[in-house]
Amino acid sequence: MDEQAIRDYVANKFAGVDIQIGDEGIAAGDTFFIYDPDRKFEGAQRMPFATIVTKDYGDYDNASNLNRPGVYRLNIGVTRASFVSLLGSPSPEPTDFAALDRLMPHPIYGQQWWISVISPSETTFEHLKPFLAEAYELVVKRRSRAGSC
């Protein structure tokens, strides 16, 4: 799987998603999947339900060793129940956050029920599709409850 295949899947599968690829600054090259059907949200309202990160972020987020050639991390915000059923604890010890094609807690946001896979294979991505759908459904429900759509 490459990053573009994931972007294409999300674009074709989920309505109202704005796929933003950072073009400058710290987020350059990273992808943010944001539910924003009317393209009206700004700032903190543009919280993604999934991301693709292509590089380490200094001392803040470097456990995945994303600075390797061709390596990226797919991150998905799921429910607590899904997270626990997949991984148990938000921070199981020890975790090799640099392992390729392995489901794991997000190295920073695992406590907020985010899962991650570094450079997922097609087989692993197939396994992740229901969790992308869950993350999408969560944000759609939040927006509808808040009256934001």
C-alpha atoms as a PDB file:
ATOM      1  CA  MET A   1       0.000   0.000   0.000  1.00  0.00           C
ATOM      2  CA  ASP A   2       1.164   3.486  -0.678  1.00  0.00           C
ATOM      3  CA  GLU A   3      -0.154   6.756   0.690  1.00  0.00           C
ATOM      4  CA  GLN A   4      -2.045   7.608  -2.492  1.00  0.00           C
ATOM      5  CA  ALA A   5      -3.935   4.309  -2.442  1.00  0.00           C
ATOM      6  CA  ILE A   6      -5.118   5.108   1.092  1.00  0.00           C
ATOM      7  CA  ARG A   7      -6.138   8.642   0.063  1.00  0.00           C
ATOM      8  CA  ASP A   8      -8.040   7.241  -2.921  1.00  0.00           C
ATOM      9  CA  TYR A   9      -9.836   4.691  -0.755  1.00  0.00           C
ATOM     10  CA  VAL A  10     -10.966   7.332   1.757  1.00  0.00           C
ATOM     11  CA  ALA A  11     -11.994   9.761  -1.006  1.00  0.00           C
ATOM     12  CA  ASN A  12     -14.107   7.115  -2.741  1.00  0.00           C
ATOM     13  CA  LYS A  13     -15.575   5.496   0.377  1.00  0.00           C
ATOM     14  CA  PHE A  14     -16.526   8.354   2.717  1.00  0.00           C
ATOM     15  CA  ALA A  15     -18.704  11.307   1.718  1.00  0.00           C
ATOM     16  CA  GLY A  16     -17.909  14.812   2.891  1.00  0.00           C
ATOM     17  CA  VAL A  17     -14.253  14.191   3.658  1.00  0.00           C
ATOM     18  CA  ASP A  18     -11.722  16.899   2.959  1.00  0.00           C
ATOM     19  CA  ILE A  19      -8.333  15.332   2.317  1.00  0.00           C
ATOM     20  CA  GLN A  20      -5.721  17.904   3.169  1.00  0.00           C
ATOM     21  CA  ILE A  21      -2.055  17.343   2.400  1.00  0.00           C
ATOM     22  CA  GLY A  22       0.241  19.714   4.249  1.00  0.00           C
ATOM     23  CA  ASP A  23       2.235  21.838   1.828  1.00  0.00           C
ATOM     24  CA  GLU A  24       4.362  23.887   4.162  1.00  0.00           C
ATOM     25  CA  GLY A  25       5.775  24.011   7.647  1.00  0.00           C
ATOM     26  CA  ILE A  26       5.896  21.130  10.050  1.00  0.00           C
ATOM     27  CA  ALA A  27       2.977  19.254   8.437  1.00  0.00           C
ATOM     28  CA  ALA A  28       4.381  19.340   4.889  1.00  0.00           C
ATOM     29  CA  GLY A  29       3.673  16.017   3.205  1.00  0.00           C
ATOM     30  CA  ASP A  30       1.355  14.714   5.917  1.00  0.00           C
ATOM     31  CA  THR A  31      -2.272  13.876   5.106  1.00  0.00           C
ATOM     32  CA  PHE A  32      -5.283  14.789   7.220  1.00  0.00           C
ATOM     33  CA  PHE A  33      -8.714  13.188   6.687  1.00  0.00           C
ATOM     34  CA  ILE A  34     -11.266  15.700   7.951  1.00  0.00           C
ATOM     35  CA  TYR A  35     -15.035  15.365   7.829  1.00  0.00           C
ATOM     36  CA  ASP A  36     -16.116  18.757   6.508  1.00  0.00           C
ATOM     37  CA  PRO A  37     -18.874  18.268   3.905  1.00  0.00           C
ATOM     38  CA  ASP A  38     -19.430  21.989   3.382  1.00  0.00           C
ATOM     39  CA  ARG A  39     -15.732  22.920   3.640  1.00  0.00           C
ATOM     40  CA  LYS A  40     -16.597  25.496   6.295  1.00  0.00           C
ATOM     41  CA  PHE A  41     -14.593  24.457   9.347  1.00  0.00           C
ATOM     42  CA  GLU A  42     -11.443  26.252  10.439  1.00  0.00           C
ATOM     43  CA  GLY A  43      -8.804  25.889  13.114  1.00  0.00           C
ATOM     44  CA  ALA A  44      -9.551  23.375  15.861  1.00  0.00           C
ATOM     45  CA  GLN A  45     -12.814  22.393  14.136  1.00  0.00           C
ATOM     46  CA  ARG A  46     -10.683  20.704  11.442  1.00  0.00           C
ATOM     47  CA  MET A  47      -9.757  17.789  13.687  1.00  0.00           C
ATOM     48  CA  PRO A  48      -8.937  14.730  11.556  1.00  0.00           C
ATOM     49  CA  PHE A  49     -10.383  11.267  12.137  1.00  0.00           C
ATOM     50  CA  ALA A  50      -7.338   9.702  10.490  1.00  0.00           C
ATOM     51  CA  THR A  51      -3.917  10.883   9.337  1.00  0.00           C
ATOM     52  CA  ILE A  52      -0.903   9.780   7.380  1.00  0.00           C
ATOM     53  CA  VAL A  53       2.349  11.047   8.869  1.00  0.00           C
ATOM     54  CA  THR A  54       5.509  10.913   6.781  1.00  0.00           C
ATOM     55  CA  LYS A  55       8.246  12.058   9.122  1.00  0.00           C
ATOM     56  CA  ASP A  56       9.334  12.302  12.719  1.00  0.00           C
ATOM     57  CA  TYR A  57       8.416  15.418  14.663  1.00  0.00           C
ATOM     58  CA  GLY A  58      11.632  16.112  16.542  1.00  0.00           C
ATOM     59  CA  ASP A  59      11.673  15.042  20.169  1.00  0.00           C
ATOM     60  CA  TYR A  60       7.860  15.125  20.351  1.00  0.00           C
ATOM     61  CA  ASP A  61       7.017  12.216  18.049  1.00  0.00           C
ATOM     62  CA  ASN A  62      10.009  10.217  16.857  1.00  0.00           C
ATOM     63  CA  ALA A  63       9.395   6.706  18.236  1.00  0.00           C
ATOM     64  CA  SER A  64       8.227   5.441  14.826  1.00  0.00           C
ATOM     65  CA  ASN A  65      11.473   6.335  13.050  1.00  0.00           C
ATOM     66  CA  LEU A  66       9.498   7.700  10.099  1.00  0.00           C
ATOM     67  CA  ASN A  67      12.555   9.327   8.560  1.00  0.00           C
ATOM     68  CA  ARG A  68      13.353   6.016   6.828  1.00  0.00           C
ATOM     69  CA  PRO A  69      12.885   6.079   3.038  1.00  0.00           C
ATOM     70  CA  GLY A  70       9.350   5.214   1.920  1.00  0.00           C
ATOM     71  CA  VAL A  71       8.004   4.826   5.461  1.00  0.00           C
ATOM     72  CA  TYR A  72       4.802   6.460   6.710  1.00  0.00           C
ATOM     73  CA  ARG A  73       2.368   5.901   9.583  1.00  0.00           C
ATOM     74  CA  LEU A  74      -1.381   5.561   9.165  1.00  0.00           C
ATOM     75  CA  ASN A  75      -3.208   6.733  12.311  1.00  0.00           C
ATOM     76  CA  ILE A  76      -6.910   6.166  13.033  1.00  0.00           C
ATOM     77  CA  GLY A  77      -9.017   7.430  15.947  1.00  0.00           C
ATOM     78  CA  VAL A  78     -11.305   4.593  17.081  1.00  0.00           C
ATOM     79  CA  THR A  79     -13.662   3.946  19.972  1.00  0.00           C
ATOM     80  CA  ARG A  80     -12.327   2.827  23.315  1.00  0.00           C
ATOM     81  CA  ALA A  81     -14.070  -0.525  22.844  1.00  0.00           C
ATOM     82  CA  SER A  82     -12.372  -1.126  19.497  1.00  0.00           C
ATOM     83  CA  PHE A  83      -9.011  -0.037  20.822  1.00  0.00           C
ATOM     84  CA  VAL A  84      -9.235  -2.368  23.811  1.00  0.00           C
ATOM     85  CA  SER A  85     -10.470  -5.281  21.689  1.00  0.00           C
ATOM     86  CA  LEU A  86      -7.537  -4.810  19.302  1.00  0.00           C
ATOM     87  CA  LEU A  87      -4.716  -3.873  21.636  1.00  0.00           C
ATOM     88  CA  GLY A  88      -5.823  -4.116  25.237  1.00  0.00           C
ATOM     89  CA  SER A  89      -4.083  -1.323  27.118  1.00  0.00           C
ATOM     90  CA  PRO A  90      -3.426   2.070  25.491  1.00  0.00           C
ATOM     91  CA  SER A  91       0.268   1.655  26.221  1.00  0.00           C
ATOM     92  CA  PRO A  92       1.299  -1.982  26.371  1.00  0.00           C
ATOM     93  CA  GLU A  93       4.919  -2.465  27.371  1.00  0.00           C
ATOM     94  CA  PRO A  94       7.171  -2.853  25.559  1.00  0.00           C
ATOM     95  CA  THR A  95       6.025  -1.616  22.147  1.00  0.00           C
ATOM     96  CA  ASP A  96       8.305  -1.331  19.140  1.00  0.00           C
ATOM     97  CA  PHE A  97       6.732   1.775  17.634  1.00  0.00           C
ATOM     98  CA  ALA A  98       9.062   1.503  14.622  1.00  0.00           C
ATOM     99  CA  ALA A  99       7.879  -1.964  13.527  1.00  0.00           C
ATOM    100  CA  LEU A 100       6.528  -2.102   9.984  1.00  0.00           C
ATOM    101  CA  ASP A 101       3.061  -3.411   9.095  1.00  0.00           C
ATOM    102  CA  ARG A 102       2.021  -4.064  12.692  1.00  0.00           C
ATOM    103  CA  LEU A 103      -1.053  -2.724  14.463  1.00  0.00           C
ATOM    104  CA  MET A 104      -0.089  -0.765  17.582  1.00  0.00           C
ATOM    105  CA  PRO A 105      -1.216   2.137  19.727  1.00  0.00           C
ATOM    106  CA  HIS A 106      -0.273   5.540  18.396  1.00  0.00           C
ATOM    107  CA  PRO A 107       2.990   6.417  20.179  1.00  0.00           C
ATOM    108  CA  ILE A 108       1.605   9.762  21.410  1.00  0.00           C
ATOM    109  CA  TYR A 109      -2.192   9.517  21.121  1.00  0.00           C
ATOM    110  CA  GLY A 110      -2.768   5.908  22.163  1.00  0.00           C
ATOM    111  CA  GLN A 111      -4.267   7.247  25.404  1.00  0.00           C
ATOM    112  CA  GLN A 112      -6.946   8.926  23.229  1.00  0.00           C
ATOM    113  CA  TRP A 113      -7.724   5.601  21.481  1.00  0.00           C
ATOM    114  CA  TRP A 114      -5.707   6.157  18.300  1.00  0.00           C
ATOM    115  CA  ILE A 115      -4.295   3.107  16.526  1.00  0.00           C
ATOM    116  CA  SER A 116      -1.376   3.146  14.103  1.00  0.00           C
ATOM    117  CA  VAL A 117       0.326   1.014  11.489  1.00  0.00           C
ATOM    118  CA  ILE A 118       3.608   1.900   9.842  1.00  0.00           C
ATOM    119  CA  SER A 119       3.535   1.267   6.090  1.00  0.00           C
ATOM    120  CA  PRO A 120       0.607  -1.183   6.120  1.00  0.00           C
ATOM    121  CA  SER A 121       0.515  -4.006   3.577  1.00  0.00           C
ATOM    122  CA  GLU A 122      -2.616  -4.496   1.473  1.00  0.00           C
ATOM    123  CA  THR A 123      -3.673  -7.318   3.814  1.00  0.00           C
ATOM    124  CA  THR A 124      -3.263  -5.144   6.894  1.00  0.00           C
ATOM    125  CA  PHE A 125      -5.069  -2.255   5.220  1.00  0.00           C
ATOM    126  CA  GLU A 126      -8.028  -4.563   4.503  1.00  0.00           C
ATOM    127  CA  HIS A 127      -8.133  -5.295   8.246  1.00  0.00           C
ATOM    128  CA  LEU A 128      -8.072  -1.535   8.974  1.00  0.00           C
ATOM    129  CA  LYS A 129     -10.965  -0.575   6.670  1.00  0.00           C
ATOM    130  CA  PRO A 130     -13.687  -1.219   9.283  1.00  0.00           C
ATOM    131  CA  PHE A 131     -11.780   0.984  11.726  1.00  0.00           C
ATOM    132  CA  LEU A 132     -11.515   3.799   9.186  1.00  0.00           C
ATOM    133  CA  ALA A 133     -15.294   3.462   8.778  1.00  0.00           C
ATOM    134  CA  GLU A 134     -15.736   3.547  12.559  1.00  0.00           C
ATOM    135  CA  ALA A 135     -13.580   6.679  12.866  1.00  0.00           C
ATOM    136  CA  TYR A 136     -15.561   8.333  10.077  1.00  0.00           C
ATOM    137  CA  GLU A 137     -18.899   7.394  11.660  1.00  0.00           C
ATOM    138  CA  LEU A 138     -17.734   8.769  15.011  1.00  0.00           C
ATOM    139  CA  VAL A 139     -16.948  12.181  13.562  1.00  0.00           C
ATOM    140  CA  VAL A 140     -20.171  12.281  11.531  1.00  0.00           C
ATOM    141  CA  LYS A 141     -22.178  11.536  14.695  1.00  0.00           C
ATOM    142  CA  ARG A 142     -20.278  14.170  16.688  1.00  0.00           C
ATOM    143  CA  ARG A 143     -20.938  16.786  14.026  1.00  0.00           C
ATOM    144  CA  SER A 144     -24.623  15.935  13.774  1.00  0.00           C
ATOM    145  CA  ARG A 145     -25.050  16.056  17.589  1.00  0.00           C
ATOM    146  CA  ALA A 146     -23.310  19.412  17.687  1.00  0.00           C
ATOM    147  CA  GLY A 147     -25.451  20.734  14.829  1.00  0.00           C
ATOM    148  CA  SER A 148     -22.309  21.570  12.903  1.00  0.00           C
ATOM    149  CA  CYS A 149     -23.338  20.116   9.562  1.00  0.00           C
END
